[in-house]
Amino acid sequence: FFTQSYDENVALTAQAWVDKCILDHGEPETRILNGYELGENLFFSTKLTQWTVVIKAWHSEVSHYLYPNVSTNGQPTGHYTQVVWNSSYKVGCGMALCPNSIYIYGCHYYRAGNFKGWVPYKVGPPCASCPSHCEDKLCTNPCPYINSFLNCQKLKDRFGCSHELVSAWCPAACKCTSEIIPIA
């Protein structure tokens, strides 16, 4: 896991979405920041609700979750997995009062999680992947780039980062030598 920090730019995107008062998720292409897709969690209420209650509601889906990426009873787990997704290291949130006294709470996550076929985090001792960059049992050194292919490390080893396709499609493998490369 990485430490998550609150980010005003991410918060602006969340606020812009909830201000539309649409009781549904936005399309992924509408949630882009710095070229990367943002994850999204939404919560609806007919009364003003504390943020701790909102986040606990999303996190409570852990009771239906079985690692690596399975619901134990068919109940949703996507809110929980987005909250804990290892490469979502910035978060920003917004709230809006909409018609019919509906409150919409939303958080966006930079970068998005919940990729089909990927796990939200690696199992193991805290900070095993980042022993010299650890705070409160969380890694503090995320790579700001994402590889486009699963085999980027092999491509880098075989062709090197001077190869134009490797440098273009595998920026994390090429530019992050001491940071943790996100799994998605």
N, C-alpha and C. Protein backbone atom coordinates (compact mmCIF):
# COMPACT_ATOMS: atom_id res chain seq x y z
N PHE A 1 0.83 -1.20 0.00
CA PHE A 1 0.00 0.00 0.00
C PHE A 1 0.87 1.25 0.00
N PHE A 2 0.38 2.29 -0.63
CA PHE A 2 1.02 3.60 -0.57
C PHE A 2 0.24 4.48 0.38
N THR A 3 0.94 5.44 0.96
CA THR A 3 0.21 6.46 1.71
C THR A 3 -0.63 7.24 0.71
N GLN A 4 -1.80 7.63 1.15
CA GLN A 4 -2.65 8.47 0.31
C GLN A 4 -2.56 9.90 0.83
N SER A 5 -2.45 10.83 -0.09
CA SER A 5 -2.47 12.23 0.30
C SER A 5 -3.65 12.92 -0.38
N TYR A 6 -4.19 13.91 0.32
CA TYR A 6 -5.31 14.66 -0.23
C TYR A 6 -4.78 15.63 -1.27
N ASP A 7 -5.46 15.70 -2.41
CA ASP A 7 -4.98 16.52 -3.51
C ASP A 7 -6.10 17.43 -4.00
N GLU A 8 -5.85 18.73 -4.01
CA GLU A 8 -6.87 19.70 -4.41
C GLU A 8 -7.30 19.54 -5.87
N ASN A 9 -6.37 19.22 -6.76
CA ASN A 9 -6.73 19.03 -8.17
C ASN A 9 -7.65 17.83 -8.35
N VAL A 10 -7.38 16.77 -7.61
CA VAL A 10 -8.25 15.60 -7.66
C VAL A 10 -9.61 15.95 -7.05
N ALA A 11 -9.58 16.73 -5.96
CA ALA A 11 -10.84 17.15 -5.32
C ALA A 11 -11.69 17.99 -6.27
N LEU A 12 -11.07 18.83 -7.07
CA LEU A 12 -11.83 19.64 -8.03
C LEU A 12 -12.58 18.77 -9.03
N THR A 13 -11.98 17.67 -9.45
CA THR A 13 -12.67 16.79 -10.39
C THR A 13 -13.85 16.09 -9.71
N ALA A 14 -13.66 15.69 -8.46
CA ALA A 14 -14.76 15.04 -7.72
C ALA A 14 -15.90 16.04 -7.50
N GLN A 15 -15.55 17.26 -7.11
CA GLN A 15 -16.58 18.27 -6.87
C GLN A 15 -17.34 18.59 -8.16
N ALA A 16 -16.63 18.69 -9.26
CA ALA A 16 -17.28 18.99 -10.54
C ALA A 16 -18.30 17.90 -10.89
N TRP A 17 -17.98 16.64 -10.57
CA TRP A 17 -18.91 15.56 -10.88
C TRP A 17 -20.14 15.60 -9.97
N VAL A 18 -19.94 15.68 -8.67
CA VAL A 18 -21.10 15.65 -7.77
C VAL A 18 -21.98 16.89 -7.96
N ASP A 19 -21.41 18.01 -8.38
CA ASP A 19 -22.20 19.21 -8.65
C ASP A 19 -23.22 19.00 -9.77
N LYS A 20 -23.00 18.00 -10.62
CA LYS A 20 -23.95 17.71 -11.70
C LYS A 20 -25.21 17.02 -11.17
N CYS A 21 -25.15 16.52 -9.93
CA CYS A 21 -26.30 15.86 -9.29
C CYS A 21 -26.81 14.67 -10.10
N ILE A 22 -25.90 13.93 -10.69
CA ILE A 22 -26.25 12.70 -11.40
C ILE A 22 -26.02 11.54 -10.44
N LEU A 23 -27.04 10.74 -10.23
CA LEU A 23 -26.94 9.65 -9.25
C LEU A 23 -26.32 8.41 -9.87
N ASP A 24 -25.18 8.58 -10.48
CA ASP A 24 -24.48 7.47 -11.11
C ASP A 24 -23.02 7.88 -11.34
N HIS A 25 -22.19 6.88 -11.62
CA HIS A 25 -20.78 7.15 -11.91
C HIS A 25 -20.64 7.84 -13.26
N GLY A 26 -19.61 8.67 -13.35
CA GLY A 26 -19.27 9.28 -14.62
C GLY A 26 -18.55 8.27 -15.50
N GLU A 27 -18.60 8.49 -16.80
CA GLU A 27 -17.87 7.63 -17.72
C GLU A 27 -16.37 7.80 -17.48
N PRO A 28 -15.60 6.71 -17.60
CA PRO A 28 -14.16 6.80 -17.33
C PRO A 28 -13.46 7.93 -18.10
N GLU A 29 -13.86 8.17 -19.34
CA GLU A 29 -13.18 9.21 -20.13
C GLU A 29 -13.45 10.61 -19.59
N THR A 30 -14.43 10.75 -18.70
CA THR A 30 -14.69 12.06 -18.09
C THR A 30 -13.86 12.27 -16.82
N ARG A 31 -13.16 11.22 -16.39
CA ARG A 31 -12.37 11.28 -15.15
C ARG A 31 -10.89 11.11 -15.48
N ILE A 32 -10.32 12.12 -16.10
CA ILE A 32 -8.91 12.07 -16.51
C ILE A 32 -8.18 13.24 -15.87
N LEU A 33 -7.00 12.97 -15.32
CA LEU A 33 -6.15 14.02 -14.77
C LEU A 33 -4.71 13.69 -15.14
N ASN A 34 -4.02 14.63 -15.74
CA ASN A 34 -2.63 14.44 -16.17
C ASN A 34 -2.46 13.20 -17.04
N GLY A 35 -3.48 12.89 -17.83
CA GLY A 35 -3.41 11.75 -18.74
C GLY A 35 -3.78 10.42 -18.13
N TYR A 36 -4.12 10.38 -16.84
CA TYR A 36 -4.46 9.13 -16.18
C TYR A 36 -5.91 9.13 -15.73
N GLU A 37 -6.53 7.95 -15.81
CA GLU A 37 -7.91 7.80 -15.37
C GLU A 37 -7.98 7.87 -13.85
N LEU A 38 -9.05 8.50 -13.36
CA LEU A 38 -9.30 8.59 -11.93
C LEU A 38 -10.32 7.54 -11.53
N GLY A 39 -10.12 6.93 -10.36
CA GLY A 39 -11.14 6.06 -9.79
C GLY A 39 -12.21 6.92 -9.14
N GLU A 40 -13.35 6.30 -8.85
CA GLU A 40 -14.46 7.08 -8.29
C GLU A 40 -15.29 6.23 -7.33
N ASN A 41 -15.58 6.78 -6.17
CA ASN A 41 -16.55 6.22 -5.23
C ASN A 41 -17.62 7.27 -4.97
N LEU A 42 -18.88 6.85 -4.96
CA LEU A 42 -20.00 7.75 -4.69
C LEU A 42 -20.84 7.22 -3.55
N PHE A 43 -21.47 8.14 -2.84
CA PHE A 43 -22.35 7.81 -1.71
C PHE A 43 -23.52 8.79 -1.76
N PHE A 44 -24.73 8.27 -1.58
CA PHE A 44 -25.93 9.09 -1.62
C PHE A 44 -26.64 9.01 -0.28
N SER A 45 -27.20 10.14 0.16
CA SER A 45 -27.91 10.18 1.44
C SER A 45 -28.99 11.26 1.38
N THR A 46 -30.02 11.08 2.20
CA THR A 46 -31.07 12.10 2.31
C THR A 46 -30.81 13.03 3.49
N LYS A 47 -29.66 12.84 4.14
CA LYS A 47 -29.30 13.72 5.24
C LYS A 47 -27.80 14.01 5.18
N LEU A 48 -27.41 15.10 5.78
CA LEU A 48 -26.00 15.45 5.88
C LEU A 48 -25.28 14.36 6.67
N THR A 49 -24.19 13.86 6.13
CA THR A 49 -23.49 12.72 6.71
C THR A 49 -22.01 13.07 6.89
N GLN A 50 -21.42 12.63 7.99
CA GLN A 50 -20.00 12.88 8.22
C GLN A 50 -19.17 12.04 7.24
N TRP A 51 -18.03 12.61 6.84
CA TRP A 51 -17.16 11.91 5.91
C TRP A 51 -16.68 10.57 6.47
N THR A 52 -16.46 10.49 7.77
CA THR A 52 -16.01 9.22 8.33
C THR A 52 -17.06 8.13 8.10
N VAL A 53 -18.33 8.49 8.17
CA VAL A 53 -19.41 7.52 7.92
C VAL A 53 -19.40 7.10 6.45
N VAL A 54 -19.20 8.05 5.56
CA VAL A 54 -19.16 7.77 4.12
C VAL A 54 -18.03 6.79 3.80
N ILE A 55 -16.84 7.11 4.28
CA ILE A 55 -15.68 6.26 3.98
C ILE A 55 -15.81 4.90 4.63
N LYS A 56 -16.34 4.84 5.84
CA LYS A 56 -16.57 3.55 6.49
C LYS A 56 -17.57 2.72 5.71
N ALA A 57 -18.57 3.36 5.11
CA ALA A 57 -19.55 2.61 4.29
C ALA A 57 -18.84 1.95 3.11
N TRP A 58 -17.96 2.68 2.44
CA TRP A 58 -17.21 2.08 1.34
C TRP A 58 -16.31 0.97 1.84
N HIS A 59 -15.62 1.24 2.93
CA HIS A 59 -14.67 0.26 3.47
C HIS A 59 -15.39 -0.98 4.01
N SER A 60 -16.64 -0.85 4.42
CA SER A 60 -17.36 -1.98 5.02
C SER A 60 -17.55 -3.14 4.04
N GLU A 61 -17.38 -2.88 2.75
CA GLU A 61 -17.49 -3.96 1.77
C GLU A 61 -16.40 -5.01 1.97
N VAL A 62 -15.40 -4.73 2.80
CA VAL A 62 -14.36 -5.71 3.10
C VAL A 62 -14.97 -6.99 3.65
N SER A 63 -16.13 -6.88 4.30
CA SER A 63 -16.77 -8.07 4.88
C SER A 63 -17.23 -9.05 3.80
N HIS A 64 -17.32 -8.60 2.54
CA HIS A 64 -17.71 -9.47 1.43
C HIS A 64 -16.52 -9.83 0.55
N TYR A 65 -15.33 -9.37 0.92
CA TYR A 65 -14.17 -9.47 0.04
C TYR A 65 -13.26 -10.62 0.43
N LEU A 66 -12.80 -11.36 -0.59
CA LEU A 66 -11.81 -12.41 -0.41
C LEU A 66 -10.68 -12.17 -1.40
N TYR A 67 -9.47 -12.00 -0.87
CA TYR A 67 -8.30 -11.77 -1.72
C TYR A 67 -8.11 -12.99 -2.62
N PRO A 68 -7.78 -12.86 -3.88
CA PRO A 68 -7.23 -11.68 -4.50
C PRO A 68 -8.28 -10.70 -5.07
N ASN A 69 -9.42 -11.17 -5.49
CA ASN A 69 -10.38 -10.22 -6.06
C ASN A 69 -11.74 -10.87 -6.24
N VAL A 70 -12.31 -11.36 -5.14
CA VAL A 70 -13.55 -12.13 -5.22
C VAL A 70 -14.53 -11.63 -4.16
N SER A 71 -15.80 -11.58 -4.55
CA SER A 71 -16.85 -11.33 -3.57
C SER A 71 -17.27 -12.67 -3.01
N THR A 72 -17.37 -12.76 -1.70
CA THR A 72 -17.71 -14.04 -1.07
C THR A 72 -19.18 -14.39 -1.23
N ASN A 73 -20.02 -13.40 -1.52
CA ASN A 73 -21.46 -13.66 -1.55
C ASN A 73 -22.18 -12.91 -2.68
N GLY A 74 -21.45 -12.43 -3.66
CA GLY A 74 -22.07 -11.71 -4.77
C GLY A 74 -22.32 -10.24 -4.49
N GLN A 75 -22.07 -9.81 -3.27
CA GLN A 75 -22.25 -8.40 -2.92
C GLN A 75 -21.09 -7.58 -3.51
N PRO A 76 -21.33 -6.30 -3.77
CA PRO A 76 -20.27 -5.47 -4.34
C PRO A 76 -19.08 -5.29 -3.40
N THR A 77 -17.90 -5.19 -3.99
CA THR A 77 -16.68 -4.93 -3.22
C THR A 77 -15.84 -3.82 -3.86
N GLY A 78 -16.31 -3.25 -4.95
CA GLY A 78 -15.54 -2.26 -5.69
C GLY A 78 -15.23 -0.98 -4.94
N HIS A 79 -16.12 -0.55 -4.05
CA HIS A 79 -15.83 0.65 -3.27
C HIS A 79 -14.65 0.37 -2.33
N TYR A 80 -14.70 -0.80 -1.68
CA TYR A 80 -13.60 -1.18 -0.77
C TYR A 80 -12.28 -1.27 -1.53
N THR A 81 -12.29 -2.01 -2.66
CA THR A 81 -11.02 -2.21 -3.36
C THR A 81 -10.46 -0.89 -3.90
N GLN A 82 -11.34 0.05 -4.28
CA GLN A 82 -10.82 1.35 -4.72
C GLN A 82 -10.18 2.10 -3.56
N VAL A 83 -10.78 2.03 -2.38
CA VAL A 83 -10.22 2.71 -1.20
C VAL A 83 -8.81 2.19 -0.90
N VAL A 84 -8.59 0.89 -1.07
CA VAL A 84 -7.30 0.30 -0.69
C VAL A 84 -6.37 0.04 -1.88
N TRP A 85 -6.77 0.41 -3.09
CA TRP A 85 -5.98 0.10 -4.29
C TRP A 85 -4.57 0.66 -4.17
N ASN A 86 -3.58 -0.19 -4.41
CA ASN A 86 -2.19 0.16 -4.09
C ASN A 86 -1.63 1.35 -4.87
N SER A 87 -2.10 1.57 -6.09
CA SER A 87 -1.52 2.67 -6.86
C SER A 87 -2.35 3.94 -6.82
N SER A 88 -3.40 3.96 -6.01
CA SER A 88 -4.20 5.18 -5.85
C SER A 88 -3.63 5.97 -4.68
N TYR A 89 -2.66 6.82 -4.96
CA TYR A 89 -1.95 7.48 -3.87
C TYR A 89 -2.36 8.94 -3.64
N LYS A 90 -3.29 9.43 -4.45
CA LYS A 90 -3.85 10.77 -4.20
C LYS A 90 -5.37 10.64 -4.21
N VAL A 91 -6.02 11.37 -3.33
CA VAL A 91 -7.49 11.33 -3.26
C VAL A 91 -8.00 12.75 -3.07
N GLY A 92 -9.16 13.01 -3.64
CA GLY A 92 -9.83 14.28 -3.46
C GLY A 92 -11.33 14.05 -3.48
N CYS A 93 -12.06 14.80 -2.67
CA CYS A 93 -13.49 14.53 -2.50
C CYS A 93 -14.32 15.80 -2.61
N GLY A 94 -15.60 15.59 -2.88
CA GLY A 94 -16.55 16.70 -2.94
C GLY A 94 -17.92 16.24 -2.50
N MET A 95 -18.77 17.22 -2.15
CA MET A 95 -20.13 16.93 -1.71
C MET A 95 -21.06 17.98 -2.28
N ALA A 96 -22.27 17.56 -2.65
CA ALA A 96 -23.25 18.51 -3.19
C ALA A 96 -24.63 18.18 -2.63
N LEU A 97 -25.40 19.23 -2.37
CA LEU A 97 -26.81 19.08 -2.03
C LEU A 97 -27.59 19.24 -3.32
N CYS A 98 -28.33 18.20 -3.68
CA CYS A 98 -29.02 18.16 -4.96
C CYS A 98 -30.53 18.25 -4.75
N PRO A 99 -31.30 18.36 -5.84
CA PRO A 99 -32.76 18.42 -5.70
C PRO A 99 -33.31 17.24 -4.90
N ASN A 100 -34.47 17.46 -4.29
CA ASN A 100 -35.12 16.46 -3.44
C ASN A 100 -34.30 16.13 -2.20
N SER A 101 -33.48 17.07 -1.76
CA SER A 101 -32.66 16.91 -0.55
C SER A 101 -31.79 15.67 -0.58
N ILE A 102 -31.19 15.41 -1.73
CA ILE A 102 -30.26 14.30 -1.88
C ILE A 102 -28.84 14.86 -1.78
N TYR A 103 -28.08 14.31 -0.87
CA TYR A 103 -26.67 14.67 -0.75
C TYR A 103 -25.85 13.63 -1.52
N ILE A 104 -24.98 14.12 -2.37
CA ILE A 104 -24.07 13.23 -3.10
C ILE A 104 -22.66 13.51 -2.60
N TYR A 105 -22.01 12.46 -2.16
CA TYR A 105 -20.61 12.51 -1.73
C TYR A 105 -19.80 11.73 -2.76
N GLY A 106 -18.68 12.28 -3.16
CA GLY A 106 -17.85 11.57 -4.12
C GLY A 106 -16.38 11.80 -3.87
N CYS A 107 -15.61 10.76 -4.08
CA CYS A 107 -14.15 10.88 -4.03
C CYS A 107 -13.58 10.34 -5.33
N HIS A 108 -12.58 11.03 -5.83
CA HIS A 108 -11.82 10.56 -6.97
C HIS A 108 -10.44 10.14 -6.48
N TYR A 109 -9.88 9.15 -7.15
CA TYR A 109 -8.60 8.55 -6.76
C TYR A 109 -7.64 8.62 -7.94
N TYR A 110 -6.44 9.14 -7.66
CA TYR A 110 -5.40 9.22 -8.67
C TYR A 110 -4.32 8.22 -8.28
N ARG A 111 -4.19 7.19 -8.96
CA ARG A 111 -4.82 6.82 -10.21
C ARG A 111 -5.87 5.76 -9.95
N ALA A 112 -6.68 5.53 -10.99
CA ALA A 112 -7.81 4.61 -10.84
C ALA A 112 -7.35 3.22 -10.43
N GLY A 113 -8.22 2.53 -9.73
CA GLY A 113 -8.03 1.13 -9.39
C GLY A 113 -9.13 0.30 -10.04
N ASN A 114 -9.32 -0.89 -9.50
CA ASN A 114 -10.38 -1.79 -9.96
C ASN A 114 -10.22 -2.20 -11.42
N PHE A 115 -9.00 -2.57 -11.80
CA PHE A 115 -8.77 -3.09 -13.14
C PHE A 115 -9.02 -4.59 -13.14
N LYS A 116 -9.85 -5.04 -14.06
CA LYS A 116 -10.18 -6.46 -14.16
C LYS A 116 -8.91 -7.28 -14.33
N GLY A 117 -8.80 -8.33 -13.54
CA GLY A 117 -7.64 -9.20 -13.61
C GLY A 117 -6.47 -8.78 -12.74
N TRP A 118 -6.56 -7.63 -12.10
CA TRP A 118 -5.50 -7.14 -11.23
C TRP A 118 -5.94 -7.24 -9.77
N VAL A 119 -4.98 -7.35 -8.90
CA VAL A 119 -5.28 -7.37 -7.47
C VAL A 119 -5.07 -5.97 -6.91
N PRO A 120 -5.80 -5.60 -5.85
CA PRO A 120 -5.68 -4.24 -5.33
C PRO A 120 -4.39 -3.97 -4.58
N TYR A 121 -3.73 -5.00 -4.10
CA TYR A 121 -2.49 -4.83 -3.35
C TYR A 121 -1.76 -6.16 -3.31
N LYS A 122 -0.49 -6.11 -2.97
CA LYS A 122 0.30 -7.32 -2.79
C LYS A 122 0.22 -7.75 -1.34
N VAL A 123 0.08 -9.03 -1.12
CA VAL A 123 0.07 -9.57 0.23
C VAL A 123 1.51 -9.73 0.69
N GLY A 124 1.77 -9.41 1.94
CA GLY A 124 3.11 -9.56 2.49
C GLY A 124 3.31 -8.64 3.67
N PRO A 125 4.48 -8.69 4.26
CA PRO A 125 4.76 -7.80 5.39
C PRO A 125 4.69 -6.34 4.95
N PRO A 126 4.24 -5.44 5.82
CA PRO A 126 4.18 -4.03 5.47
C PRO A 126 5.55 -3.51 5.02
N CYS A 127 5.57 -2.77 3.95
CA CYS A 127 6.76 -2.10 3.42
C CYS A 127 7.85 -3.06 2.94
N ALA A 128 7.50 -4.30 2.64
CA ALA A 128 8.50 -5.24 2.14
C ALA A 128 9.09 -4.76 0.82
N SER A 129 8.31 -4.04 0.03
CA SER A 129 8.77 -3.54 -1.26
C SER A 129 9.47 -2.19 -1.17
N CYS A 130 9.44 -1.58 0.01
CA CYS A 130 9.99 -0.21 0.13
C CYS A 130 10.60 0.03 1.52
N PRO A 131 11.50 -0.82 1.98
CA PRO A 131 11.97 -0.71 3.36
C PRO A 131 12.56 0.65 3.74
N SER A 132 13.14 1.37 2.80
CA SER A 132 13.71 2.67 3.15
C SER A 132 12.78 3.84 2.83
N HIS A 133 11.57 3.52 2.42
CA HIS A 133 10.56 4.55 2.12
C HIS A 133 9.24 4.14 2.75
N CYS A 134 9.23 4.04 4.07
CA CYS A 134 8.07 3.50 4.78
C CYS A 134 7.64 4.46 5.88
N GLU A 135 6.32 4.68 5.96
CA GLU A 135 5.77 5.52 7.01
C GLU A 135 4.44 4.92 7.45
N ASP A 136 4.29 4.66 8.73
CA ASP A 136 3.07 4.06 9.26
C ASP A 136 2.70 2.78 8.51
N LYS A 137 3.70 1.97 8.18
CA LYS A 137 3.53 0.70 7.49
C LYS A 137 3.01 0.84 6.07
N LEU A 138 3.23 2.01 5.46
CA LEU A 138 2.81 2.26 4.08
C LEU A 138 3.99 2.81 3.28
N CYS A 139 4.08 2.42 2.02
CA CYS A 139 5.15 2.92 1.14
C CYS A 139 4.89 4.38 0.79
N THR A 140 5.98 5.13 0.66
CA THR A 140 5.86 6.56 0.37
C THR A 140 6.56 6.94 -0.93
N ASN A 141 6.88 5.97 -1.76
CA ASN A 141 7.64 6.27 -2.98
C ASN A 141 6.99 5.70 -4.24
N PRO A 142 5.77 6.12 -4.58
CA PRO A 142 5.16 5.60 -5.79
C PRO A 142 5.81 6.17 -7.05
N CYS A 143 5.88 5.36 -8.06
CA CYS A 143 6.34 5.82 -9.37
C CYS A 143 5.20 6.63 -10.01
N PRO A 144 5.50 7.81 -10.54
CA PRO A 144 4.43 8.62 -11.13
C PRO A 144 4.04 8.19 -12.55
N TYR A 145 4.60 7.10 -13.04
CA TYR A 145 4.33 6.64 -14.41
C TYR A 145 3.66 5.27 -14.37
N ILE A 146 3.00 4.93 -15.47
CA ILE A 146 2.36 3.62 -15.60
C ILE A 146 2.86 2.97 -16.88
N ASN A 147 3.22 1.69 -16.79
CA ASN A 147 3.58 0.93 -17.98
C ASN A 147 2.32 0.57 -18.75
N SER A 148 2.43 0.50 -20.07
CA SER A 148 1.29 0.13 -20.90
C SER A 148 1.19 -1.37 -21.10
N PHE A 149 2.25 -2.10 -20.81
CA PHE A 149 2.27 -3.54 -21.01
C PHE A 149 2.68 -4.25 -19.73
N LEU A 150 2.22 -5.50 -19.60
CA LEU A 150 2.58 -6.29 -18.43
C LEU A 150 4.04 -6.74 -18.47
N ASN A 151 4.60 -6.88 -19.65
CA ASN A 151 5.96 -7.41 -19.78
C ASN A 151 7.01 -6.32 -19.99
N CYS A 152 6.75 -5.13 -19.46
CA CYS A 152 7.69 -4.01 -19.67
C CYS A 152 9.08 -4.28 -19.12
N GLN A 153 9.16 -4.93 -17.97
CA GLN A 153 10.49 -5.20 -17.42
C GLN A 153 11.29 -6.10 -18.36
N LYS A 154 10.63 -7.11 -18.95
CA LYS A 154 11.31 -7.98 -19.90
C LYS A 154 11.71 -7.22 -21.16
N LEU A 155 10.82 -6.33 -21.63
CA LEU A 155 11.16 -5.52 -22.80
C LEU A 155 12.34 -4.60 -22.52
N LYS A 156 12.36 -4.01 -21.33
CA LYS A 156 13.48 -3.15 -20.94
C LYS A 156 14.78 -3.95 -20.90
N ASP A 157 14.73 -5.14 -20.27
CA ASP A 157 15.92 -5.98 -20.17
C ASP A 157 16.44 -6.39 -21.55
N ARG A 158 15.53 -6.66 -22.47
CA ARG A 158 15.93 -7.17 -23.78
C ARG A 158 16.38 -6.06 -24.73
N PHE A 159 15.63 -4.94 -24.77
CA PHE A 159 15.89 -3.92 -25.77
C PHE A 159 16.47 -2.62 -25.21
N GLY A 160 16.30 -2.41 -23.90
CA GLY A 160 16.78 -1.18 -23.28
C GLY A 160 15.82 -0.02 -23.48
N CYS A 161 15.97 0.99 -22.66
CA CYS A 161 15.06 2.14 -22.69
C CYS A 161 15.37 3.10 -23.83
N SER A 162 16.50 2.90 -24.51
CA SER A 162 16.78 3.75 -25.67
C SER A 162 15.94 3.34 -26.88
N HIS A 163 15.35 2.16 -26.83
CA HIS A 163 14.43 1.73 -27.89
C HIS A 163 13.17 2.58 -27.80
N GLU A 164 12.78 3.19 -28.92
CA GLU A 164 11.69 4.18 -28.88
C GLU A 164 10.37 3.60 -28.38
N LEU A 165 10.04 2.36 -28.72
CA LEU A 165 8.78 1.79 -28.25
C LEU A 165 8.83 1.48 -26.76
N VAL A 166 9.97 1.00 -26.28
CA VAL A 166 10.10 0.71 -24.85
C VAL A 166 10.00 2.00 -24.05
N SER A 167 10.69 3.04 -24.49
CA SER A 167 10.64 4.30 -23.74
C SER A 167 9.24 4.92 -23.79
N ALA A 168 8.53 4.74 -24.89
CA ALA A 168 7.19 5.32 -25.02
C ALA A 168 6.13 4.54 -24.24
N TRP A 169 6.20 3.23 -24.28
CA TRP A 169 5.14 2.40 -23.71
C TRP A 169 5.47 1.84 -22.33
N CYS A 170 6.69 1.99 -21.89
CA CYS A 170 7.10 1.45 -20.59
C CYS A 170 7.80 2.52 -19.74
N PRO A 171 7.17 3.67 -19.54
CA PRO A 171 7.85 4.74 -18.82
C PRO A 171 8.17 4.40 -17.37
N ALA A 172 7.34 3.61 -16.71
CA ALA A 172 7.63 3.26 -15.32
C ALA A 172 8.87 2.39 -15.24
N ALA A 173 8.97 1.40 -16.11
CA ALA A 173 10.14 0.52 -16.10
C ALA A 173 11.41 1.30 -16.39
N CYS A 174 11.31 2.31 -17.25
CA CYS A 174 12.50 3.07 -17.64
C CYS A 174 12.88 4.19 -16.68
N LYS A 175 11.90 4.84 -16.09
CA LYS A 175 12.17 6.04 -15.30
C LYS A 175 12.16 5.82 -13.80
N CYS A 176 11.65 4.69 -13.33
CA CYS A 176 11.52 4.47 -11.89
C CYS A 176 12.43 3.33 -11.46
N THR A 177 13.62 3.68 -11.01
CA THR A 177 14.58 2.66 -10.60
C THR A 177 14.51 2.36 -9.11
N SER A 178 14.04 3.33 -8.32
CA SER A 178 13.96 3.09 -6.87
C SER A 178 12.55 3.26 -6.33
N GLU A 179 11.59 3.64 -7.18
CA GLU A 179 10.21 3.80 -6.74
C GLU A 179 9.43 2.50 -6.96
N ILE A 180 8.32 2.40 -6.27
CA ILE A 180 7.44 1.25 -6.44
C ILE A 180 6.60 1.48 -7.68
N ILE A 181 6.64 0.54 -8.62
CA ILE A 181 5.85 0.66 -9.84
C ILE A 181 4.47 0.10 -9.57
N PRO A 182 3.43 0.89 -9.82
CA PRO A 182 2.07 0.41 -9.57
C PRO A 182 1.78 -0.86 -10.36
N ILE A 183 0.91 -1.70 -9.79
CA ILE A 183 0.58 -2.95 -10.45
C ILE A 183 -0.49 -2.75 -11.50
N ALA A 184 -1.02 -1.56 -11.62
CA ALA A 184 -2.00 -1.30 -12.68
C ALA A 184 -1.87 0.15 -13.11
